[in-house]
């Protein structure tokens, strides 16, 4: 789906530009934090996923001139791989280390992305990351029709980065 067109117009940009910026932010964070370069962004419109199976979801709220949320949704296999890469040791079970790692990745993506739509990032604050994990769960946040969701592929496994953005 897409961000609210009125918000995109207020920002004086296009959704295509915001998508490119978000893809770049995700790539930079994953290169720096996880050591993964050139993530494969699958350029297709996807519905924001709200129902997850065997995944970890890390969310960071946005508040200020614009409100919303940035979220990272990864299947357990990728969550473990990302954490192992970040810590430099094999992690084999979903635990606090995985929650911390994915929370930090989501926080860094949100921090980078907010600079594209706010006054140098200073008029939008980030919440402490929240992390969900489970065999099956549902997330309801904002209007799914106003969510920019990007799909990335890592070794034939997918993960999603989503942004919900609204004007205060």
Foldseek 3Di string as FASTA:
>chain_A
DAADPVLCVVLVHDRVVLVVQLVVQLQVLCCVQQVDHDWAWDPDADQDDFKDFQWKKKKKWKDFQKTWIKMKIFHPVVLQNSLCSRVVHHDDDDDVSSRVRRNVSRVSSVQSSCCSRDDNSPRMDIDRMDMDGDRIDGDDTDDSVNKGKIWTDDPNGIMIIIIHIDGD
